[in-house]
Amino acid sequence: MTQYSGGEFRDIAVAARYPFADDATLTTRDGLTLHESTFVDAVVYPPGARTTVGIRSVEITERHATLWIGDETQPRLASGTFDRLDTADAVPLVDLYDRPAGLLLTDPVHLSVFQTWPLGRHDLTAKAAPFVASCVIPLPAVGVQGFVVGGVVLTGDVWFVGEDGVVLSEEDGAIRVDIVGDPLFVRRLCGPVDLFQTRRFVKTINGIPPDEYGNFNFVVGSGVKESTILRLGMTPPDKFLMQTVGKTLKGR
């Protein structure tokens, strides 16, 4: 906002074209005039603006007026809506995701000019109502600015929780999502316990079926001897190894 060392701020600024550029026409495409005293100051920071930012359109309904802020290539980057019959001294701006994007300073008397505008949409060219550079704060639209979940925009502090076979991790400053699945999700969420049959890849070994849980249990041991030459292990990456060790001694 512009600062003055003395005098009443609104009285001084109301007679100036500021916060619009000196060469602003302040005229819509259909011939309506946006008086230079309507706004006395502004600060705008719509995300993604690349060129000169200004008021690009005004939408009038029975009760409300909406000011759309944008640049030459993106006429709708932020907006401010106010009641035409109950005007205020400032118009807050929000971006397309309802996040703060600036503020237009005015007063109820001068803002009431929109009560005389006809209903409908009134567009302005990029040179009609551009703001001066001192009123615009560049805010590039880079990185992740929010998340849309079920039509609701989430911004600020957002928590991610991995459940039901989803594993979240951080890798080089980025969020990594691994969907590993949960083969028992139907049984766990829906029941009853016999609704979902666990897949059994090995049916039998030498004609011997698995136990009631689908498991084959290999045990190194014997009920006859206290020691055995059987060895069980694993080989990379995930193979099961069964082998015998030792040798037969002659004469024994």
C-alpha atoms as a PDB file:
ATOM      1  CA  MET A   1       0.000   0.000   0.000  1.00  0.00           C
ATOM      2  CA  THR A   2       1.156   3.553  -0.687  1.00  0.00           C
ATOM      3  CA  GLN A   3       2.226   5.552   2.371  1.00  0.00           C
ATOM      4  CA  TYR A   4       1.784   9.329   2.777  1.00  0.00           C
ATOM      5  CA  SER A   5       3.677  11.428   5.310  1.00  0.00           C
ATOM      6  CA  GLY A   6       0.779  13.728   6.079  1.00  0.00           C
ATOM      7  CA  GLY A   7      -2.853  14.518   5.298  1.00  0.00           C
ATOM      8  CA  GLU A   8      -5.816  12.221   5.031  1.00  0.00           C
ATOM      9  CA  PHE A   9      -4.867   9.273   2.847  1.00  0.00           C
ATOM     10  CA  ARG A  10      -8.233   8.736   1.161  1.00  0.00           C
ATOM     11  CA  ASP A  11      -8.724  12.426   0.436  1.00  0.00           C
ATOM     12  CA  ILE A  12      -5.333  12.616  -1.246  1.00  0.00           C
ATOM     13  CA  ALA A  13      -5.587   9.379  -3.217  1.00  0.00           C
ATOM     14  CA  VAL A  14      -9.193   9.737  -4.375  1.00  0.00           C
ATOM     15  CA  ALA A  15      -8.338  12.415  -6.918  1.00  0.00           C
ATOM     16  CA  ALA A  16      -5.504  10.394  -8.497  1.00  0.00           C
ATOM     17  CA  ARG A  17      -5.699   7.685 -11.147  1.00  0.00           C
ATOM     18  CA  TYR A  18      -3.593   5.511  -8.826  1.00  0.00           C
ATOM     19  CA  PRO A  19      -3.606   2.496  -8.276  1.00  0.00           C
ATOM     20  CA  PHE A  20      -4.122   2.248 -12.033  1.00  0.00           C
ATOM     21  CA  ALA A  21      -1.525   3.229 -14.616  1.00  0.00           C
ATOM     22  CA  ASP A  22      -1.569   6.815 -15.908  1.00  0.00           C
ATOM     23  CA  ASP A  23      -2.539   5.691 -19.413  1.00  0.00           C
ATOM     24  CA  ALA A  24      -5.396   3.434 -18.245  1.00  0.00           C
ATOM     25  CA  THR A  25      -8.626   4.116 -20.144  1.00  0.00           C
ATOM     26  CA  LEU A  26     -10.832   2.746 -17.298  1.00  0.00           C
ATOM     27  CA  THR A  27     -13.483   1.893 -19.898  1.00  0.00           C
ATOM     28  CA  THR A  28     -15.114  -1.467 -20.598  1.00  0.00           C
ATOM     29  CA  ARG A  29     -15.545  -2.866 -24.080  1.00  0.00           C
ATOM     30  CA  ASP A  30     -19.241  -1.960 -23.973  1.00  0.00           C
ATOM     31  CA  GLY A  31     -18.611   1.664 -23.002  1.00  0.00           C
ATOM     32  CA  LEU A  32     -19.006   1.676 -19.196  1.00  0.00           C
ATOM     33  CA  THR A  33     -16.625   3.847 -17.174  1.00  0.00           C
ATOM     34  CA  LEU A  34     -14.721   2.744 -14.097  1.00  0.00           C
ATOM     35  CA  HIS A  35     -14.185   6.079 -12.342  1.00  0.00           C
ATOM     36  CA  GLU A  36     -10.626   6.824 -11.247  1.00  0.00           C
ATOM     37  CA  SER A  37     -11.810   7.533  -7.688  1.00  0.00           C
ATOM     38  CA  THR A  38     -13.468   4.119  -7.272  1.00  0.00           C
ATOM     39  CA  PHE A  39     -10.293   2.573  -5.815  1.00  0.00           C
ATOM     40  CA  VAL A  40      -7.678   4.467  -3.844  1.00  0.00           C
ATOM     41  CA  ASP A  41      -5.063   1.727  -3.325  1.00  0.00           C
ATOM     42  CA  ALA A  42      -4.412  -1.933  -4.057  1.00  0.00           C
ATOM     43  CA  VAL A  43      -2.100  -4.832  -3.476  1.00  0.00           C
ATOM     44  CA  VAL A  44      -2.528  -7.831  -5.772  1.00  0.00           C
ATOM     45  CA  TYR A  45      -0.607 -11.101  -5.968  1.00  0.00           C
ATOM     46  CA  PRO A  46      -2.518 -13.623  -8.100  1.00  0.00           C
ATOM     47  CA  PRO A  47      -0.470 -16.811  -8.591  1.00  0.00           C
ATOM     48  CA  GLY A  48       0.759 -17.379 -12.126  1.00  0.00           C
ATOM     49  CA  ALA A  49       0.588 -13.811 -13.456  1.00  0.00           C
ATOM     50  CA  ARG A  50       3.234 -13.267 -16.158  1.00  0.00           C
ATOM     51  CA  THR A  51       2.498  -9.839 -17.639  1.00  0.00           C
ATOM     52  CA  THR A  52       0.719  -6.625 -16.616  1.00  0.00           C
ATOM     53  CA  VAL A  53      -2.013  -7.320 -14.062  1.00  0.00           C
ATOM     54  CA  GLY A  54      -5.278  -5.420 -13.968  1.00  0.00           C
ATOM     55  CA  ILE A  55      -9.072  -5.638 -13.777  1.00  0.00           C
ATOM     56  CA  ARG A  56     -10.142  -7.693 -16.801  1.00  0.00           C
ATOM     57  CA  SER A  57     -13.906  -8.014 -16.292  1.00  0.00           C
ATOM     58  CA  VAL A  58     -16.790  -7.084 -14.015  1.00  0.00           C
ATOM     59  CA  GLU A  59     -19.768  -9.398 -13.546  1.00  0.00           C
ATOM     60  CA  ILE A  60     -22.989  -7.837 -12.239  1.00  0.00           C
ATOM     61  CA  THR A  61     -25.854  -9.838 -10.746  1.00  0.00           C
ATOM     62  CA  GLU A  62     -29.020  -8.717  -8.983  1.00  0.00           C
ATOM     63  CA  ARG A  63     -27.213  -8.318  -5.667  1.00  0.00           C
ATOM     64  CA  HIS A  64     -23.473  -8.778  -6.166  1.00  0.00           C
ATOM     65  CA  ALA A  65     -20.591  -7.568  -8.294  1.00  0.00           C
ATOM     66  CA  THR A  66     -17.463  -9.609  -9.017  1.00  0.00           C
ATOM     67  CA  LEU A  67     -14.191  -8.067 -10.178  1.00  0.00           C
ATOM     68  CA  TRP A  68     -11.912 -10.434 -12.101  1.00  0.00           C
ATOM     69  CA  ILE A  69      -8.158  -9.803 -11.962  1.00  0.00           C
ATOM     70  CA  GLY A  70      -5.778 -11.161 -14.596  1.00  0.00           C
ATOM     71  CA  ASP A  71      -3.042 -10.440 -17.104  1.00  0.00           C
ATOM     72  CA  GLU A  72      -2.951 -10.266 -20.905  1.00  0.00           C
ATOM     73  CA  THR A  73      -3.048 -14.044 -21.427  1.00  0.00           C
ATOM     74  CA  GLN A  74      -4.972 -15.152 -18.313  1.00  0.00           C
ATOM     75  CA  PRO A  75      -7.925 -12.844 -17.617  1.00  0.00           C
ATOM     76  CA  ARG A  76      -9.168 -14.866 -14.640  1.00  0.00           C
ATOM     77  CA  LEU A  77      -6.487 -15.370 -12.033  1.00  0.00           C
ATOM     78  CA  ALA A  78      -8.268 -13.884  -8.998  1.00  0.00           C
ATOM     79  CA  SER A  79     -11.578 -12.285  -8.099  1.00  0.00           C
ATOM     80  CA  GLY A  80     -13.279 -10.134  -5.503  1.00  0.00           C
ATOM     81  CA  THR A  81     -17.026 -10.176  -4.828  1.00  0.00           C
ATOM     82  CA  PHE A  82     -19.017  -7.624  -2.861  1.00  0.00           C
ATOM     83  CA  ASP A  83     -22.642  -6.755  -2.154  1.00  0.00           C
ATOM     84  CA  ARG A  84     -23.795  -3.947  -4.458  1.00  0.00           C
ATOM     85  CA  LEU A  85     -26.427  -2.779  -1.968  1.00  0.00           C
ATOM     86  CA  ASP A  86     -24.226  -2.974   1.127  1.00  0.00           C
ATOM     87  CA  THR A  87     -20.810  -1.830  -0.025  1.00  0.00           C
ATOM     88  CA  ALA A  88     -17.695  -1.848   2.145  1.00  0.00           C
ATOM     89  CA  ASP A  89     -14.386   0.011   2.239  1.00  0.00           C
ATOM     90  CA  ALA A  90     -12.299  -2.851   0.850  1.00  0.00           C
ATOM     91  CA  VAL A  91     -12.681  -5.759  -1.583  1.00  0.00           C
ATOM     92  CA  PRO A  92     -10.631  -8.860  -0.652  1.00  0.00           C
ATOM     93  CA  LEU A  93      -9.302 -10.882  -3.590  1.00  0.00           C
ATOM     94  CA  VAL A  94      -9.006 -14.658  -3.761  1.00  0.00           C
ATOM     95  CA  ASP A  95      -7.493 -16.909  -6.411  1.00  0.00           C
ATOM     96  CA  LEU A  96      -9.262 -19.721  -8.255  1.00  0.00           C
ATOM     97  CA  TYR A  97      -8.837 -21.982  -5.197  1.00  0.00           C
ATOM     98  CA  ASP A  98     -10.239 -19.443  -2.722  1.00  0.00           C
ATOM     99  CA  ARG A  99      -6.826 -18.478  -1.340  1.00  0.00           C
ATOM    100  CA  PRO A 100      -5.944 -14.811  -0.535  1.00  0.00           C
ATOM    101  CA  ALA A 101      -4.687 -12.980  -3.621  1.00  0.00           C
ATOM    102  CA  GLY A 102      -4.807  -9.309  -2.675  1.00  0.00           C
ATOM    103  CA  LEU A 103      -6.957  -6.393  -1.524  1.00  0.00           C
ATOM    104  CA  LEU A 104      -8.579  -3.404  -3.264  1.00  0.00           C
ATOM    105  CA  LEU A 105      -9.034  -0.363  -1.024  1.00  0.00           C
ATOM    106  CA  THR A 106     -12.109   1.802  -1.655  1.00  0.00           C
ATOM    107  CA  ASP A 107     -15.029   3.300   0.295  1.00  0.00           C
ATOM    108  CA  PRO A 108     -18.790   2.616   0.318  1.00  0.00           C
ATOM    109  CA  VAL A 109     -19.661   5.827  -1.531  1.00  0.00           C
ATOM    110  CA  HIS A 110     -17.365   5.306  -4.505  1.00  0.00           C
ATOM    111  CA  LEU A 111     -17.971   1.554  -4.657  1.00  0.00           C
ATOM    112  CA  SER A 112     -21.710   2.172  -5.008  1.00  0.00           C
ATOM    113  CA  VAL A 113     -21.094   3.235  -8.631  1.00  0.00           C
ATOM    114  CA  PHE A 114     -21.582  -0.424  -9.562  1.00  0.00           C
ATOM    115  CA  GLN A 115     -25.257  -0.112  -8.542  1.00  0.00           C
ATOM    116  CA  THR A 116     -25.832   1.722 -11.819  1.00  0.00           C
ATOM    117  CA  TRP A 117     -24.140  -0.881 -14.025  1.00  0.00           C
ATOM    118  CA  PRO A 118     -26.455  -3.199 -16.002  1.00  0.00           C
ATOM    119  CA  LEU A 119     -26.602  -6.900 -15.271  1.00  0.00           C
ATOM    120  CA  GLY A 120     -24.179  -9.158 -17.111  1.00  0.00           C
ATOM    121  CA  ARG A 121     -20.481  -9.443 -17.832  1.00  0.00           C
ATOM    122  CA  HIS A 122     -18.469  -6.380 -18.841  1.00  0.00           C
ATOM    123  CA  ASP A 123     -14.976  -7.113 -20.169  1.00  0.00           C
ATOM    124  CA  LEU A 124     -11.984  -4.794 -20.185  1.00  0.00           C
ATOM    125  CA  THR A 125      -8.912  -4.922 -22.381  1.00  0.00           C
ATOM    126  CA  ALA A 126      -5.462  -5.450 -20.878  1.00  0.00           C
ATOM    127  CA  LYS A 127      -4.811  -1.681 -21.217  1.00  0.00           C
ATOM    128  CA  ALA A 128      -8.123  -0.537 -19.744  1.00  0.00           C
ATOM    129  CA  ALA A 129      -7.426  -0.923 -15.987  1.00  0.00           C
ATOM    130  CA  PRO A 130      -3.843  -2.134 -15.377  1.00  0.00           C
ATOM    131  CA  PHE A 131      -2.379  -1.663 -11.902  1.00  0.00           C
ATOM    132  CA  VAL A 132       0.902   0.167 -11.445  1.00  0.00           C
ATOM    133  CA  ALA A 133       3.912  -2.049 -10.798  1.00  0.00           C
ATOM    134  CA  SER A 134       4.198  -0.997  -7.131  1.00  0.00           C
ATOM    135  CA  CYS A 135       0.802  -2.579  -6.403  1.00  0.00           C
ATOM    136  CA  VAL A 136       1.623  -5.974  -7.888  1.00  0.00           C
ATOM    137  CA  ILE A 137       3.646  -8.639  -6.098  1.00  0.00           C
ATOM    138  CA  PRO A 138       4.881 -11.328  -8.522  1.00  0.00           C
ATOM    139  CA  LEU A 139       3.872 -14.801  -7.345  1.00  0.00           C
ATOM    140  CA  PRO A 140       4.926 -17.520  -9.805  1.00  0.00           C
ATOM    141  CA  ALA A 141       2.691 -20.583  -9.894  1.00  0.00           C
ATOM    142  CA  VAL A 142       5.438 -23.163  -9.363  1.00  0.00           C
ATOM    143  CA  GLY A 143       5.477 -26.378  -7.370  1.00  0.00           C
ATOM    144  CA  VAL A 144       2.507 -27.935  -5.641  1.00  0.00           C
ATOM    145  CA  GLN A 145       0.123 -25.265  -4.362  1.00  0.00           C
ATOM    146  CA  GLY A 146      -2.687 -27.486  -3.172  1.00  0.00           C
ATOM    147  CA  PHE A 147      -4.637 -30.689  -3.646  1.00  0.00           C
ATOM    148  CA  VAL A 148      -8.152 -31.257  -4.915  1.00  0.00           C
ATOM    149  CA  VAL A 149      -9.813 -34.151  -3.066  1.00  0.00           C
ATOM    150  CA  GLY A 150     -13.442 -34.861  -3.824  1.00  0.00           C
ATOM    151  CA  GLY A 151     -13.951 -31.334  -5.130  1.00  0.00           C
ATOM    152  CA  VAL A 152     -12.421 -29.787  -1.979  1.00  0.00           C
ATOM    153  CA  VAL A 153      -9.171 -27.822  -2.266  1.00  0.00           C
ATOM    154  CA  LEU A 154      -6.636 -28.549   0.483  1.00  0.00           C
ATOM    155  CA  THR A 155      -3.824 -26.048   1.083  1.00  0.00           C
ATOM    156  CA  GLY A 156      -1.425 -25.235   3.878  1.00  0.00           C
ATOM    157  CA  ASP A 157      -0.441 -28.150   6.115  1.00  0.00           C
ATOM    158  CA  VAL A 158      -1.684 -31.367   4.498  1.00  0.00           C
ATOM    159  CA  TRP A 159      -1.160 -34.809   6.048  1.00  0.00           C
ATOM    160  CA  PHE A 160      -0.741 -37.899   3.871  1.00  0.00           C
ATOM    161  CA  VAL A 161      -1.489 -41.255   5.496  1.00  0.00           C
ATOM    162  CA  GLY A 162      -0.770 -44.486   3.647  1.00  0.00           C
ATOM    163  CA  GLU A 163      -3.327 -47.188   4.337  1.00  0.00           C
ATOM    164  CA  ASP A 164      -4.729 -50.315   2.690  1.00  0.00           C
ATOM    165  CA  GLY A 165      -1.600 -51.316   0.843  1.00  0.00           C
ATOM    166  CA  VAL A 166      -0.274 -47.780   0.145  1.00  0.00           C
ATOM    167  CA  VAL A 167       3.275 -47.000   1.285  1.00  0.00           C
ATOM    168  CA  LEU A 168       4.432 -43.358   1.455  1.00  0.00           C
ATOM    169  CA  SER A 169       8.084 -42.369   1.588  1.00  0.00           C
ATOM    170  CA  GLU A 170      10.320 -39.386   0.902  1.00  0.00           C
ATOM    171  CA  GLU A 171      12.918 -39.637  -1.826  1.00  0.00           C
ATOM    172  CA  ASP A 172      15.173 -36.711  -2.832  1.00  0.00           C
ATOM    173  CA  GLY A 173      12.696 -34.155  -1.532  1.00  0.00           C
ATOM    174  CA  ALA A 174       9.712 -35.716  -3.322  1.00  0.00           C
ATOM    175  CA  ILE A 175       6.838 -37.795  -1.986  1.00  0.00           C
ATOM    176  CA  ARG A 176       6.964 -41.356  -3.291  1.00  0.00           C
ATOM    177  CA  VAL A 177       3.781 -43.427  -3.348  1.00  0.00           C
ATOM    178  CA  ASP A 178       4.044 -47.210  -3.690  1.00  0.00           C
ATOM    179  CA  ILE A 179       0.789 -49.119  -4.079  1.00  0.00           C
ATOM    180  CA  VAL A 180       1.679 -52.629  -2.945  1.00  0.00           C
ATOM    181  CA  GLY A 181      -1.870 -53.852  -2.470  1.00  0.00           C
ATOM    182  CA  ASP A 182      -3.543 -55.765   0.313  1.00  0.00           C
ATOM    183  CA  PRO A 183      -4.654 -59.282  -0.751  1.00  0.00           C
ATOM    184  CA  LEU A 184      -6.860 -59.644   2.321  1.00  0.00           C
ATOM    185  CA  PHE A 185      -8.649 -56.319   2.039  1.00  0.00           C
ATOM    186  CA  VAL A 186     -12.055 -57.887   1.332  1.00  0.00           C
ATOM    187  CA  ARG A 187     -11.779 -60.217   4.305  1.00  0.00           C
ATOM    188  CA  ARG A 188     -10.532 -57.457   6.596  1.00  0.00           C
ATOM    189  CA  LEU A 189     -13.013 -54.785   5.577  1.00  0.00           C
ATOM    190  CA  CYS A 190     -16.101 -56.769   4.698  1.00  0.00           C
ATOM    191  CA  GLY A 191     -15.991 -60.215   6.310  1.00  0.00           C
ATOM    192  CA  PRO A 192     -17.000 -62.886   6.974  1.00  0.00           C
ATOM    193  CA  VAL A 193     -13.662 -64.631   7.189  1.00  0.00           C
ATOM    194  CA  ASP A 194     -14.531 -67.134   4.458  1.00  0.00           C
ATOM    195  CA  LEU A 195     -15.606 -64.461   1.945  1.00  0.00           C
ATOM    196  CA  PHE A 196     -12.153 -64.143   0.423  1.00  0.00           C
ATOM    197  CA  GLN A 197      -9.905 -67.109  -0.273  1.00  0.00           C
ATOM    198  CA  THR A 198      -6.190 -66.439  -0.054  1.00  0.00           C
ATOM    199  CA  ARG A 199      -4.382 -67.408  -3.233  1.00  0.00           C
ATOM    200  CA  ARG A 200      -2.311 -70.584  -2.882  1.00  0.00           C
ATOM    201  CA  PHE A 201       0.404 -70.834  -5.507  1.00  0.00           C
ATOM    202  CA  VAL A 202       1.899 -74.215  -4.440  1.00  0.00           C
ATOM    203  CA  LYS A 203      -0.801 -76.870  -4.332  1.00  0.00           C
ATOM    204  CA  THR A 204       1.178 -79.946  -3.338  1.00  0.00           C
ATOM    205  CA  ILE A 205       4.767 -81.116  -2.896  1.00  0.00           C
ATOM    206  CA  ASN A 206       5.283 -84.764  -3.907  1.00  0.00           C
ATOM    207  CA  GLY A 207       1.560 -85.235  -3.518  1.00  0.00           C
ATOM    208  CA  ILE A 208       1.549 -83.795   0.010  1.00  0.00           C
ATOM    209  CA  PRO A 209      -0.926 -80.916   0.488  1.00  0.00           C
ATOM    210  CA  PRO A 210      -0.333 -77.886   2.752  1.00  0.00           C
ATOM    211  CA  ASP A 211      -1.805 -77.459   6.193  1.00  0.00           C
ATOM    212  CA  GLU A 212      -5.164 -75.799   6.861  1.00  0.00           C
ATOM    213  CA  TYR A 213      -3.618 -72.338   6.420  1.00  0.00           C
ATOM    214  CA  GLY A 214      -1.981 -73.143   3.079  1.00  0.00           C
ATOM    215  CA  ASN A 215       1.511 -73.409   4.548  1.00  0.00           C
ATOM    216  CA  PHE A 216       4.235 -75.972   3.958  1.00  0.00           C
ATOM    217  CA  ASN A 217       6.439 -76.339   7.030  1.00  0.00           C
ATOM    218  CA  PHE A 218       9.983 -77.552   6.469  1.00  0.00           C
ATOM    219  CA  VAL A 219      11.732 -78.662   9.657  1.00  0.00           C
ATOM    220  CA  VAL A 220      15.328 -79.806   9.947  1.00  0.00           C
ATOM    221  CA  GLY A 221      15.035 -82.659  12.403  1.00  0.00           C
ATOM    222  CA  SER A 222      14.038 -86.264  12.887  1.00  0.00           C
ATOM    223  CA  GLY A 223      12.286 -88.285  15.461  1.00  0.00           C
ATOM    224  CA  VAL A 224      14.766 -91.115  14.943  1.00  0.00           C
ATOM    225  CA  LYS A 225      18.129 -89.324  14.929  1.00  0.00           C
ATOM    226  CA  GLU A 226      19.348 -86.397  16.996  1.00  0.00           C
ATOM    227  CA  SER A 227      21.394 -84.954  14.127  1.00  0.00           C
ATOM    228  CA  THR A 228      20.713 -84.599  10.396  1.00  0.00           C
ATOM    229  CA  ILE A 229      22.632 -83.647   7.283  1.00  0.00           C
ATOM    230  CA  LEU A 230      19.671 -81.676   5.874  1.00  0.00           C
ATOM    231  CA  ARG A 231      20.174 -77.904   5.570  1.00  0.00           C
ATOM    232  CA  LEU A 232      17.557 -75.300   4.685  1.00  0.00           C
ATOM    233  CA  GLY A 233      18.272 -71.747   3.521  1.00  0.00           C
ATOM    234  CA  MET A 234      17.685 -68.987   1.007  1.00  0.00           C
ATOM    235  CA  THR A 235      19.584 -67.881  -2.088  1.00  0.00           C
ATOM    236  CA  PRO A 236      19.324 -64.439  -3.700  1.00  0.00           C
ATOM    237  CA  PRO A 237      17.013 -62.959  -4.476  1.00  0.00           C
ATOM    238  CA  ASP A 238      14.211 -65.014  -2.954  1.00  0.00           C
ATOM    239  CA  LYS A 239      14.726 -68.702  -3.716  1.00  0.00           C
ATOM    240  CA  PHE A 240      14.365 -71.505  -1.195  1.00  0.00           C
ATOM    241  CA  LEU A 241      17.397 -73.810  -0.911  1.00  0.00           C
ATOM    242  CA  MET A 242      17.352 -77.355   0.424  1.00  0.00           C
ATOM    243  CA  GLN A 243      20.631 -79.308   0.528  1.00  0.00           C
ATOM    244  CA  THR A 244      22.540 -81.994   2.371  1.00  0.00           C
ATOM    245  CA  VAL A 245      26.061 -81.707   3.759  1.00  0.00           C
ATOM    246  CA  GLY A 246      28.742 -84.164   4.785  1.00  0.00           C
ATOM    247  CA  LYS A 247      29.897 -87.430   3.169  1.00  0.00           C
ATOM    248  CA  THR A 248      29.616 -91.144   3.625  1.00  0.00           C
ATOM    249  CA  LEU A 249      32.544 -92.749   5.579  1.00  0.00           C
ATOM    250  CA  LYS A 250      33.821 -96.071   4.319  1.00  0.00           C
ATOM    251  CA  GLY A 251      33.583 -98.923   6.756  1.00  0.00           C
ATOM    252  CA  ARG A 252      30.775 -97.308   8.719  1.00  0.00           C
END
